[in-house]
């Protein structure tokens, strides 16, 4: 895996170069389609038109979901996960980096056990401001002592040990991550 390049974050020309307007983010992971659900939940799909950048932290399972998000997102920053086969791995990196609104973002599927995560990720990704990850299906929002913000949006289709399926939204404004919100999805009808 390549580490984040050194140096300060640069304004992103594609999403967030204009710091006067907040950059709206939609964060998801572990969609596991069609194994855990037939389709992405309607509330999540309704967020797509409002998002300037969509981030997916892996475990798509089916390339159809990648095709959908590529066609409906202004900008997609995404990685493959441990459940993704050769078709997805051929199209996605294991680690993705993006400059968004003056912040340096990283996306990776797995970060290891919860214990020690902040220190481990801060050491592994020293040039980042925000790291979005998945794998556990457990929402996570913490900040390492170095200032690295770690976000796991959970899963919109498989709640695992959580009471709800989830995703996150956030904004980048004035070179800061703001308005981070975890969204709980209503139970699916069976």
N, C-alpha and C. Protein backbone atom coordinates (compact mmCIF):
# COMPACT_ATOMS: atom_id res chain seq x y z
N UNK A 1 0.83 -1.19 0.00
CA UNK A 1 0.00 0.00 0.00
C UNK A 1 0.87 1.24 0.00
N UNK A 2 0.44 2.20 -0.78
CA UNK A 2 1.24 3.42 -0.83
C UNK A 2 0.76 4.39 0.24
N UNK A 3 1.68 5.03 0.94
CA UNK A 3 1.27 6.02 1.94
C UNK A 3 0.80 7.29 1.25
N UNK A 4 0.08 8.10 1.98
CA UNK A 4 -0.37 9.39 1.45
C UNK A 4 0.85 10.23 1.13
N UNK A 5 0.83 10.89 -0.03
CA UNK A 5 1.96 11.74 -0.36
C UNK A 5 2.13 12.85 0.66
N UNK A 6 3.38 13.26 0.93
CA UNK A 6 3.59 14.33 1.89
C UNK A 6 3.16 15.67 1.31
N UNK A 7 3.02 16.63 2.18
CA UNK A 7 2.70 17.98 1.73
C UNK A 7 1.32 18.40 2.15
N UNK A 8 1.06 19.71 2.06
CA UNK A 8 -0.23 20.22 2.49
C UNK A 8 -1.33 19.83 1.52
N UNK A 9 -2.55 19.80 2.02
CA UNK A 9 -3.69 19.51 1.16
C UNK A 9 -3.89 20.67 0.19
N UNK A 10 -4.30 20.33 -1.01
CA UNK A 10 -4.56 21.34 -2.02
C UNK A 10 -6.06 21.41 -2.27
N UNK A 11 -6.59 22.60 -2.59
CA UNK A 11 -8.00 22.67 -2.96
C UNK A 11 -8.24 21.77 -4.16
N UNK A 12 -9.34 21.08 -4.18
CA UNK A 12 -9.67 20.15 -5.24
C UNK A 12 -10.39 20.89 -6.36
N UNK A 13 -9.88 20.80 -7.56
CA UNK A 13 -10.49 21.53 -8.67
C UNK A 13 -11.84 20.94 -9.06
N UNK A 14 -12.02 19.64 -8.83
CA UNK A 14 -13.27 19.01 -9.25
C UNK A 14 -14.37 19.16 -8.21
N UNK A 15 -14.03 19.10 -6.95
CA UNK A 15 -15.05 19.19 -5.90
C UNK A 15 -14.47 19.94 -4.72
N UNK A 16 -14.82 21.17 -4.58
CA UNK A 16 -14.41 21.89 -3.40
C UNK A 16 -13.35 22.92 -3.62
N UNK A 17 -12.97 23.20 -4.85
CA UNK A 17 -11.99 24.24 -5.09
C UNK A 17 -12.51 25.61 -4.69
N UNK A 18 -13.82 25.80 -4.77
CA UNK A 18 -14.45 27.06 -4.36
C UNK A 18 -14.80 26.93 -2.89
N UNK A 19 -13.98 27.51 -2.03
CA UNK A 19 -14.19 27.34 -0.59
C UNK A 19 -15.37 28.15 -0.07
N UNK A 20 -15.96 29.01 -0.90
CA UNK A 20 -17.12 29.78 -0.45
C UNK A 20 -18.35 28.89 -0.33
N UNK A 21 -18.40 27.81 -1.08
CA UNK A 21 -19.54 26.91 -1.06
C UNK A 21 -19.14 25.60 -0.40
N UNK A 22 -19.88 25.16 0.60
CA UNK A 22 -19.56 23.87 1.23
C UNK A 22 -19.63 22.72 0.22
N UNK A 23 -18.76 21.74 0.40
CA UNK A 23 -18.77 20.53 -0.40
C UNK A 23 -19.56 19.49 0.39
N UNK A 24 -20.62 18.99 -0.20
CA UNK A 24 -21.48 18.01 0.49
C UNK A 24 -21.01 16.59 0.18
N UNK A 25 -20.88 15.79 1.24
CA UNK A 25 -20.38 14.42 1.13
C UNK A 25 -21.46 13.42 1.52
N UNK A 26 -21.48 12.30 0.82
CA UNK A 26 -22.31 11.16 1.16
C UNK A 26 -21.37 9.98 1.36
N UNK A 27 -21.35 9.40 2.57
CA UNK A 27 -20.42 8.34 2.93
C UNK A 27 -21.17 7.04 3.15
N UNK A 28 -20.68 5.97 2.53
CA UNK A 28 -21.29 4.65 2.72
C UNK A 28 -20.22 3.58 2.62
N UNK A 29 -20.58 2.39 3.08
CA UNK A 29 -19.69 1.24 2.99
C UNK A 29 -20.53 -0.03 3.11
N UNK A 30 -19.92 -1.14 2.77
CA UNK A 30 -20.53 -2.45 3.04
C UNK A 30 -21.96 -2.56 2.53
N UNK A 31 -22.15 -2.25 1.26
CA UNK A 31 -23.49 -2.35 0.68
C UNK A 31 -23.87 -3.80 0.40
N UNK A 32 -22.93 -4.66 0.10
CA UNK A 32 -23.15 -6.11 -0.03
C UNK A 32 -24.35 -6.45 -0.91
N UNK A 33 -24.50 -5.75 -2.03
CA UNK A 33 -25.61 -6.07 -2.93
C UNK A 33 -25.17 -7.12 -3.94
N UNK A 34 -26.02 -8.06 -4.27
CA UNK A 34 -27.39 -8.27 -3.82
C UNK A 34 -27.52 -9.25 -2.66
N UNK A 35 -26.45 -9.53 -1.95
CA UNK A 35 -26.51 -10.52 -0.87
C UNK A 35 -27.34 -10.06 0.32
N UNK A 36 -27.15 -8.82 0.76
CA UNK A 36 -27.82 -8.33 1.98
C UNK A 36 -29.10 -7.55 1.69
N UNK A 37 -29.27 -7.11 0.46
CA UNK A 37 -30.48 -6.40 0.04
C UNK A 37 -30.53 -6.45 -1.48
N UNK A 38 -31.70 -6.22 -2.04
CA UNK A 38 -31.84 -6.22 -3.50
C UNK A 38 -31.33 -4.92 -4.12
N UNK A 39 -31.47 -3.82 -3.35
CA UNK A 39 -31.09 -2.51 -3.87
C UNK A 39 -30.71 -1.59 -2.72
N UNK A 40 -30.09 -0.49 -3.05
CA UNK A 40 -29.77 0.50 -2.02
C UNK A 40 -31.06 1.11 -1.49
N UNK A 41 -31.11 1.41 -0.20
CA UNK A 41 -32.32 1.98 0.40
C UNK A 41 -32.69 3.33 -0.24
N UNK A 42 -33.98 3.56 -0.37
CA UNK A 42 -34.48 4.80 -1.00
C UNK A 42 -33.96 6.07 -0.33
N UNK A 43 -33.90 6.16 1.02
CA UNK A 43 -33.37 7.39 1.63
C UNK A 43 -31.92 7.67 1.23
N UNK A 44 -31.13 6.63 1.08
CA UNK A 44 -29.74 6.79 0.66
C UNK A 44 -29.69 7.27 -0.80
N UNK A 45 -30.47 6.65 -1.66
CA UNK A 45 -30.51 7.07 -3.06
C UNK A 45 -30.98 8.51 -3.21
N UNK A 46 -31.89 8.93 -2.33
CA UNK A 46 -32.40 10.30 -2.38
C UNK A 46 -31.32 11.33 -2.04
N UNK A 47 -30.27 10.90 -1.34
CA UNK A 47 -29.16 11.80 -0.98
C UNK A 47 -28.21 12.05 -2.16
N UNK A 48 -28.20 11.16 -3.14
CA UNK A 48 -27.23 11.26 -4.24
C UNK A 48 -27.26 12.60 -4.97
N UNK A 49 -28.43 13.14 -5.34
CA UNK A 49 -28.42 14.41 -6.07
C UNK A 49 -27.86 15.59 -5.26
N UNK A 50 -27.91 15.51 -3.94
CA UNK A 50 -27.41 16.61 -3.11
C UNK A 50 -25.90 16.51 -2.86
N UNK A 51 -25.32 15.35 -3.11
CA UNK A 51 -23.91 15.13 -2.79
C UNK A 51 -22.99 15.61 -3.90
N UNK A 52 -21.97 16.36 -3.52
CA UNK A 52 -20.92 16.74 -4.46
C UNK A 52 -19.92 15.61 -4.63
N UNK A 53 -19.70 14.86 -3.55
CA UNK A 53 -18.77 13.73 -3.56
C UNK A 53 -19.42 12.57 -2.83
N UNK A 54 -19.41 11.40 -3.46
CA UNK A 54 -19.88 10.16 -2.83
C UNK A 54 -18.64 9.33 -2.51
N UNK A 55 -18.58 8.83 -1.27
CA UNK A 55 -17.46 8.00 -0.83
C UNK A 55 -18.00 6.63 -0.46
N UNK A 56 -17.39 5.57 -1.02
CA UNK A 56 -17.78 4.19 -0.70
C UNK A 56 -16.53 3.46 -0.24
N UNK A 57 -16.58 2.90 0.98
CA UNK A 57 -15.41 2.26 1.58
C UNK A 57 -15.39 0.74 1.42
N UNK A 58 -15.92 0.24 0.31
CA UNK A 58 -15.73 -1.17 -0.04
C UNK A 58 -16.80 -2.13 0.43
N UNK A 59 -16.65 -3.37 -0.05
CA UNK A 59 -17.63 -4.45 0.07
C UNK A 59 -18.92 -4.11 -0.67
N UNK A 60 -18.74 -3.91 -1.96
CA UNK A 60 -19.85 -3.70 -2.89
C UNK A 60 -20.52 -5.04 -3.20
N UNK A 61 -19.70 -6.06 -3.47
CA UNK A 61 -20.02 -7.43 -3.86
C UNK A 61 -20.39 -7.53 -5.34
N UNK A 62 -21.24 -6.65 -5.85
CA UNK A 62 -21.70 -6.71 -7.23
C UNK A 62 -21.27 -5.44 -7.98
N UNK A 63 -20.80 -5.58 -9.19
CA UNK A 63 -20.38 -4.42 -9.97
C UNK A 63 -21.55 -3.52 -10.35
N UNK A 64 -22.76 -4.02 -10.31
CA UNK A 64 -23.93 -3.20 -10.67
C UNK A 64 -24.06 -1.99 -9.74
N UNK A 65 -23.72 -2.14 -8.48
CA UNK A 65 -23.80 -1.01 -7.54
C UNK A 65 -22.74 0.04 -7.88
N UNK A 66 -21.55 -0.41 -8.24
CA UNK A 66 -20.52 0.53 -8.68
C UNK A 66 -20.98 1.26 -9.94
N UNK A 67 -21.54 0.53 -10.89
CA UNK A 67 -22.05 1.17 -12.12
C UNK A 67 -23.10 2.23 -11.78
N UNK A 68 -24.01 1.89 -10.88
CA UNK A 68 -25.07 2.83 -10.48
C UNK A 68 -24.48 4.10 -9.88
N UNK A 69 -23.58 3.93 -8.91
CA UNK A 69 -23.01 5.11 -8.25
C UNK A 69 -22.12 5.92 -9.20
N UNK A 70 -21.41 5.26 -10.10
CA UNK A 70 -20.62 6.00 -11.08
C UNK A 70 -21.53 6.85 -11.98
N UNK A 71 -22.68 6.32 -12.33
CA UNK A 71 -23.57 7.04 -13.25
C UNK A 71 -24.37 8.15 -12.56
N UNK A 72 -24.57 8.04 -11.24
CA UNK A 72 -25.42 9.00 -10.55
C UNK A 72 -24.68 9.94 -9.61
N UNK A 73 -23.36 9.80 -9.53
CA UNK A 73 -22.57 10.65 -8.63
C UNK A 73 -21.83 11.72 -9.43
N UNK A 74 -21.75 12.91 -8.88
CA UNK A 74 -20.92 13.94 -9.50
C UNK A 74 -19.45 13.52 -9.46
N UNK A 75 -19.07 12.97 -8.32
CA UNK A 75 -17.72 12.45 -8.14
C UNK A 75 -17.80 11.30 -7.16
N UNK A 76 -17.13 10.20 -7.48
CA UNK A 76 -17.11 9.02 -6.64
C UNK A 76 -15.67 8.72 -6.25
N UNK A 77 -15.45 8.57 -4.93
CA UNK A 77 -14.15 8.15 -4.40
C UNK A 77 -14.41 6.83 -3.70
N UNK A 78 -13.77 5.75 -4.16
CA UNK A 78 -14.16 4.42 -3.68
C UNK A 78 -13.00 3.44 -3.71
N UNK A 79 -13.15 2.38 -2.92
CA UNK A 79 -12.18 1.30 -2.84
C UNK A 79 -12.91 -0.04 -2.86
N UNK A 80 -12.14 -1.10 -3.06
CA UNK A 80 -12.73 -2.44 -2.93
C UNK A 80 -12.55 -2.93 -1.50
N UNK A 81 -13.38 -3.92 -1.12
CA UNK A 81 -13.30 -4.53 0.20
C UNK A 81 -12.97 -6.00 0.11
N UNK A 82 -12.90 -6.66 1.25
CA UNK A 82 -12.50 -8.06 1.30
C UNK A 82 -13.51 -9.00 0.65
N UNK A 83 -14.76 -8.59 0.47
CA UNK A 83 -15.78 -9.43 -0.18
C UNK A 83 -15.91 -9.14 -1.67
N UNK A 84 -15.07 -8.28 -2.21
CA UNK A 84 -15.18 -7.89 -3.61
C UNK A 84 -14.25 -8.73 -4.47
N UNK A 85 -14.82 -9.25 -5.56
CA UNK A 85 -14.08 -10.14 -6.45
C UNK A 85 -13.26 -9.41 -7.50
N UNK A 86 -12.74 -10.18 -8.45
CA UNK A 86 -11.83 -9.63 -9.46
C UNK A 86 -12.43 -8.49 -10.29
N UNK A 87 -13.72 -8.54 -10.59
CA UNK A 87 -14.34 -7.48 -11.39
C UNK A 87 -14.26 -6.13 -10.72
N UNK A 88 -14.49 -6.10 -9.42
CA UNK A 88 -14.41 -4.84 -8.67
C UNK A 88 -12.96 -4.45 -8.39
N UNK A 89 -12.13 -5.44 -8.09
CA UNK A 89 -10.72 -5.15 -7.80
C UNK A 89 -10.00 -4.61 -9.04
N UNK A 90 -10.47 -4.97 -10.22
CA UNK A 90 -9.87 -4.45 -11.45
C UNK A 90 -10.22 -2.97 -11.67
N UNK A 91 -11.31 -2.53 -11.07
CA UNK A 91 -11.79 -1.16 -11.30
C UNK A 91 -11.53 -0.20 -10.14
N UNK A 92 -11.20 -0.74 -8.97
CA UNK A 92 -11.07 0.08 -7.77
C UNK A 92 -9.74 -0.18 -7.07
N UNK A 93 -9.18 0.83 -6.40
CA UNK A 93 -7.95 0.61 -5.64
C UNK A 93 -8.25 0.05 -4.24
N UNK A 94 -7.21 -0.43 -3.59
CA UNK A 94 -7.34 -0.86 -2.19
C UNK A 94 -7.41 0.36 -1.27
N UNK A 95 -6.69 1.41 -1.61
CA UNK A 95 -6.69 2.67 -0.86
C UNK A 95 -6.87 3.80 -1.87
N UNK A 96 -7.76 4.74 -1.56
CA UNK A 96 -7.97 5.90 -2.44
C UNK A 96 -7.66 7.17 -1.67
N UNK A 97 -7.16 8.16 -2.38
CA UNK A 97 -6.85 9.47 -1.80
C UNK A 97 -7.54 10.54 -2.62
N UNK A 98 -8.01 11.58 -1.95
CA UNK A 98 -8.67 12.68 -2.64
C UNK A 98 -8.52 13.96 -1.84
N UNK A 99 -8.28 15.04 -2.55
CA UNK A 99 -8.31 16.37 -1.94
C UNK A 99 -9.71 16.91 -2.13
N UNK A 100 -10.38 17.21 -1.04
CA UNK A 100 -11.77 17.69 -1.09
C UNK A 100 -11.87 18.94 -0.24
N UNK A 101 -12.14 20.05 -0.88
CA UNK A 101 -12.34 21.31 -0.17
C UNK A 101 -11.17 21.74 0.69
N UNK A 102 -9.96 21.35 0.30
CA UNK A 102 -8.79 21.72 1.07
C UNK A 102 -8.39 20.71 2.13
N UNK A 103 -9.13 19.61 2.24
CA UNK A 103 -8.77 18.53 3.18
C UNK A 103 -8.29 17.32 2.39
N UNK A 104 -7.35 16.60 2.97
CA UNK A 104 -6.81 15.38 2.35
C UNK A 104 -7.56 14.19 2.93
N UNK A 105 -8.33 13.50 2.08
CA UNK A 105 -9.12 12.34 2.48
C UNK A 105 -8.42 11.06 2.03
N UNK A 106 -8.59 10.01 2.82
CA UNK A 106 -8.21 8.67 2.44
C UNK A 106 -9.41 7.76 2.64
N UNK A 107 -9.48 6.72 1.83
CA UNK A 107 -10.55 5.73 1.94
C UNK A 107 -9.90 4.36 1.89
N UNK A 108 -10.28 3.50 2.83
CA UNK A 108 -9.76 2.15 2.90
C UNK A 108 -10.87 1.28 3.48
N UNK A 109 -10.88 0.01 3.16
CA UNK A 109 -11.95 -0.83 3.69
C UNK A 109 -11.70 -1.22 5.14
N UNK A 110 -10.56 -1.81 5.39
CA UNK A 110 -10.32 -2.41 6.71
C UNK A 110 -9.19 -1.68 7.45
N UNK A 111 -9.41 -1.43 8.75
CA UNK A 111 -8.39 -0.77 9.57
C UNK A 111 -7.94 -1.61 10.75
N UNK A 112 -8.45 -2.84 10.87
CA UNK A 112 -8.07 -3.69 11.98
C UNK A 112 -8.96 -3.49 13.19
N UNK A 113 -8.59 -4.07 14.33
CA UNK A 113 -9.42 -4.02 15.53
C UNK A 113 -9.66 -2.59 16.02
N UNK A 114 -10.76 -2.42 16.73
CA UNK A 114 -11.11 -1.10 17.28
C UNK A 114 -10.04 -0.61 18.25
N UNK A 115 -9.53 -1.51 19.06
CA UNK A 115 -8.52 -1.12 20.05
C UNK A 115 -7.26 -0.65 19.34
N UNK A 116 -6.86 0.56 19.62
CA UNK A 116 -5.65 1.13 19.03
C UNK A 116 -5.83 1.69 17.63
N UNK A 117 -7.08 1.74 17.14
CA UNK A 117 -7.33 2.17 15.76
C UNK A 117 -6.80 3.58 15.47
N UNK A 118 -7.05 4.52 16.36
CA UNK A 118 -6.64 5.91 16.10
C UNK A 118 -5.13 6.00 15.90
N UNK A 119 -4.36 5.44 16.82
CA UNK A 119 -2.90 5.51 16.73
C UNK A 119 -2.39 4.76 15.50
N UNK A 120 -2.96 3.58 15.26
CA UNK A 120 -2.52 2.77 14.12
C UNK A 120 -2.78 3.49 12.79
N UNK A 121 -3.97 4.07 12.65
CA UNK A 121 -4.31 4.76 11.41
C UNK A 121 -3.53 6.06 11.25
N UNK A 122 -3.30 6.77 12.34
CA UNK A 122 -2.51 8.00 12.26
C UNK A 122 -1.08 7.69 11.80
N UNK A 123 -0.55 6.56 12.23
CA UNK A 123 0.80 6.17 11.81
C UNK A 123 0.81 5.71 10.35
N UNK A 124 -0.21 4.96 9.96
CA UNK A 124 -0.29 4.42 8.60
C UNK A 124 -0.60 5.50 7.56
N UNK A 125 -1.37 6.51 7.96
CA UNK A 125 -1.82 7.55 7.03
C UNK A 125 -1.45 8.94 7.57
N UNK A 126 -0.15 9.25 7.66
CA UNK A 126 0.26 10.50 8.31
C UNK A 126 -0.12 11.77 7.56
N UNK A 127 -0.38 11.70 6.27
CA UNK A 127 -0.67 12.92 5.52
C UNK A 127 -2.14 13.25 5.38
N UNK A 128 -2.99 12.50 6.07
CA UNK A 128 -4.44 12.69 5.89
C UNK A 128 -5.06 13.56 6.98
N UNK A 129 -6.18 14.18 6.59
CA UNK A 129 -7.03 14.89 7.55
C UNK A 129 -8.21 14.02 7.96
N UNK A 130 -8.73 13.22 7.01
CA UNK A 130 -9.91 12.39 7.24
C UNK A 130 -9.67 11.02 6.62
N UNK A 131 -10.00 9.96 7.36
CA UNK A 131 -9.95 8.59 6.84
C UNK A 131 -11.34 7.99 6.96
N UNK A 132 -11.89 7.55 5.83
CA UNK A 132 -13.18 6.87 5.80
C UNK A 132 -12.90 5.39 5.62
N UNK A 133 -13.52 4.56 6.45
CA UNK A 133 -13.29 3.12 6.38
C UNK A 133 -14.59 2.36 6.60
N UNK A 134 -14.54 1.06 6.42
CA UNK A 134 -15.73 0.22 6.57
C UNK A 134 -15.39 -1.07 7.29
N UNK A 135 -15.89 -2.18 6.74
CA UNK A 135 -15.64 -3.55 7.16
C UNK A 135 -16.45 -4.01 8.36
N UNK A 136 -16.50 -3.27 9.43
CA UNK A 136 -17.15 -3.74 10.66
C UNK A 136 -18.66 -3.58 10.64
N UNK A 137 -19.19 -2.72 9.78
CA UNK A 137 -20.61 -2.35 9.75
C UNK A 137 -21.00 -1.57 11.01
N UNK A 138 -20.03 -1.16 11.79
CA UNK A 138 -20.28 -0.44 13.04
C UNK A 138 -19.88 1.03 12.84
N UNK A 139 -20.82 1.95 12.96
CA UNK A 139 -20.48 3.36 12.80
C UNK A 139 -19.39 3.80 13.78
N UNK A 140 -18.54 4.70 13.30
CA UNK A 140 -17.38 5.14 14.08
C UNK A 140 -17.09 6.59 13.73
N UNK A 141 -16.84 7.40 14.73
CA UNK A 141 -16.46 8.80 14.50
C UNK A 141 -15.57 9.23 15.65
N UNK A 142 -14.27 9.21 15.41
CA UNK A 142 -13.31 9.63 16.43
C UNK A 142 -12.21 10.46 15.78
N UNK A 143 -11.42 11.08 16.62
CA UNK A 143 -10.28 11.86 16.14
C UNK A 143 -9.03 11.39 16.86
N UNK A 144 -8.01 11.06 16.09
CA UNK A 144 -6.73 10.64 16.67
C UNK A 144 -6.03 11.84 17.29
N UNK A 145 -5.09 11.62 18.22
CA UNK A 145 -4.35 12.73 18.82
C UNK A 145 -3.64 13.61 17.78
N UNK A 146 -3.34 13.05 16.62
CA UNK A 146 -2.69 13.82 15.55
C UNK A 146 -3.67 14.74 14.81
N UNK A 147 -4.96 14.57 15.08
CA UNK A 147 -5.98 15.35 14.38
C UNK A 147 -6.68 14.60 13.27
N UNK A 148 -6.20 13.39 12.94
CA UNK A 148 -6.84 12.57 11.91
C UNK A 148 -8.25 12.19 12.35
N UNK A 149 -9.24 12.52 11.55
CA UNK A 149 -10.64 12.16 11.83
C UNK A 149 -10.92 10.83 11.17
N UNK A 150 -11.45 9.87 11.93
CA UNK A 150 -11.78 8.55 11.42
C UNK A 150 -13.29 8.38 11.39
N UNK A 151 -13.82 8.02 10.22
CA UNK A 151 -15.26 7.86 10.04
C UNK A 151 -15.58 6.51 9.42
N UNK A 152 -16.49 5.78 10.04
CA UNK A 152 -17.06 4.57 9.45
C UNK A 152 -18.56 4.81 9.38
N UNK A 153 -19.14 4.84 8.18
CA UNK A 153 -20.57 5.10 8.06
C UNK A 153 -21.47 3.92 8.39
N UNK A 154 -20.90 2.77 8.75
CA UNK A 154 -21.71 1.59 8.97
C UNK A 154 -22.13 1.00 7.63
N UNK A 155 -23.24 0.28 7.63
CA UNK A 155 -23.75 -0.32 6.39
C UNK A 155 -25.21 0.06 6.19
N UNK A 156 -25.59 0.44 4.97
CA UNK A 156 -26.99 0.77 4.71
C UNK A 156 -27.87 -0.45 4.46
N UNK A 157 -27.25 -1.65 4.40
CA UNK A 157 -28.02 -2.85 4.07
C UNK A 157 -27.87 -3.99 5.07
N UNK A 158 -26.88 -3.94 5.95
CA UNK A 158 -26.63 -5.05 6.89
C UNK A 158 -26.19 -4.47 8.23
N UNK A 159 -27.12 -4.43 9.17
CA UNK A 159 -26.84 -3.78 10.45
C UNK A 159 -25.95 -4.60 11.37
N UNK A 160 -25.80 -5.87 11.05
CA UNK A 160 -24.98 -6.78 11.84
C UNK A 160 -25.36 -6.70 13.32
N UNK A 161 -24.48 -6.22 14.19
CA UNK A 161 -24.78 -6.16 15.63
C UNK A 161 -25.34 -4.81 16.05
N UNK A 162 -25.69 -3.97 15.09
CA UNK A 162 -26.19 -2.63 15.39
C UNK A 162 -27.72 -2.60 15.33
N UNK A 163 -28.36 -1.67 16.00
CA UNK A 163 -29.83 -1.62 15.96
C UNK A 163 -30.36 -1.12 14.61
N UNK A 164 -29.54 -0.40 13.83
CA UNK A 164 -30.01 0.18 12.57
C UNK A 164 -28.96 0.02 11.47
N UNK A 165 -29.42 -0.02 10.24
CA UNK A 165 -28.54 0.19 9.09
C UNK A 165 -28.28 1.69 9.00
N UNK A 166 -27.09 2.07 8.54
CA UNK A 166 -26.70 3.49 8.59
C UNK A 166 -25.87 3.92 7.38
N UNK A 167 -25.78 5.22 7.22
CA UNK A 167 -24.84 5.89 6.33
C UNK A 167 -24.55 7.25 6.94
N UNK A 168 -23.61 7.99 6.38
CA UNK A 168 -23.25 9.32 6.91
C UNK A 168 -23.33 10.37 5.81
N UNK A 169 -23.56 11.60 6.26
CA UNK A 169 -23.37 12.77 5.41
C UNK A 169 -22.46 13.73 6.18
N UNK A 170 -21.81 14.60 5.44
CA UNK A 170 -20.93 15.61 6.05
C UNK A 170 -20.72 16.70 5.01
N UNK A 171 -20.07 17.76 5.43
CA UNK A 171 -19.69 18.84 4.52
C UNK A 171 -18.27 19.26 4.82
N UNK A 172 -17.62 19.80 3.81
CA UNK A 172 -16.33 20.45 4.00
C UNK A 172 -16.56 21.92 3.69
N UNK A 173 -16.28 22.76 4.67
CA UNK A 173 -16.47 24.21 4.51
C UNK A 173 -15.30 24.93 5.17
N UNK A 174 -14.74 25.88 4.48
CA UNK A 174 -13.63 26.64 5.04
C UNK A 174 -12.44 25.77 5.41
N UNK A 175 -12.24 24.68 4.67
CA UNK A 175 -11.12 23.79 4.97
C UNK A 175 -11.31 22.94 6.21
N UNK A 176 -12.58 22.82 6.67
CA UNK A 176 -12.87 22.00 7.86
C UNK A 176 -14.00 21.02 7.55
N UNK A 177 -13.96 19.86 8.19
CA UNK A 177 -15.06 18.89 8.10
C UNK A 177 -16.13 19.30 9.09
N UNK A 178 -17.34 19.52 8.61
CA UNK A 178 -18.44 19.99 9.46
C UNK A 178 -19.70 19.18 9.17
N UNK A 179 -20.66 19.34 10.07
CA UNK A 179 -21.99 18.75 9.88
C UNK A 179 -21.96 17.24 9.64
N UNK A 180 -21.09 16.53 10.34
CA UNK A 180 -21.04 15.08 10.21
C UNK A 180 -22.30 14.52 10.87
N UNK A 181 -23.05 13.74 10.11
CA UNK A 181 -24.31 13.19 10.63
C UNK A 181 -24.42 11.71 10.27
N UNK A 182 -24.78 10.91 11.26
CA UNK A 182 -25.07 9.49 11.05
C UNK A 182 -26.58 9.37 10.83
N UNK A 183 -26.96 8.73 9.74
CA UNK A 183 -28.38 8.57 9.40
C UNK A 183 -28.79 7.12 9.62
N UNK A 184 -29.82 6.94 10.42
CA UNK A 184 -30.39 5.61 10.66
C UNK A 184 -31.47 5.34 9.63
N UNK A 185 -31.43 4.16 9.06
CA UNK A 185 -32.42 3.78 8.06
C UNK A 185 -33.54 2.98 8.69
N UNK A 186 -34.77 3.15 8.21
CA UNK A 186 -35.87 2.36 8.75
C UNK A 186 -35.67 0.89 8.39
N UNK A 187 -36.23 -0.01 9.21
CA UNK A 187 -36.10 -1.44 8.90
C UNK A 187 -36.66 -1.75 7.52
N UNK A 188 -36.01 -2.69 6.84
CA UNK A 188 -36.49 -3.12 5.52
C UNK A 188 -37.72 -3.98 5.67
N UNK A 189 -38.59 -3.85 4.71
CA UNK A 189 -39.75 -4.75 4.66
C UNK A 189 -39.31 -6.06 4.07
N UNK A 190 -39.79 -7.14 4.64
CA UNK A 190 -39.39 -8.45 4.11
C UNK A 190 -40.49 -9.08 3.31
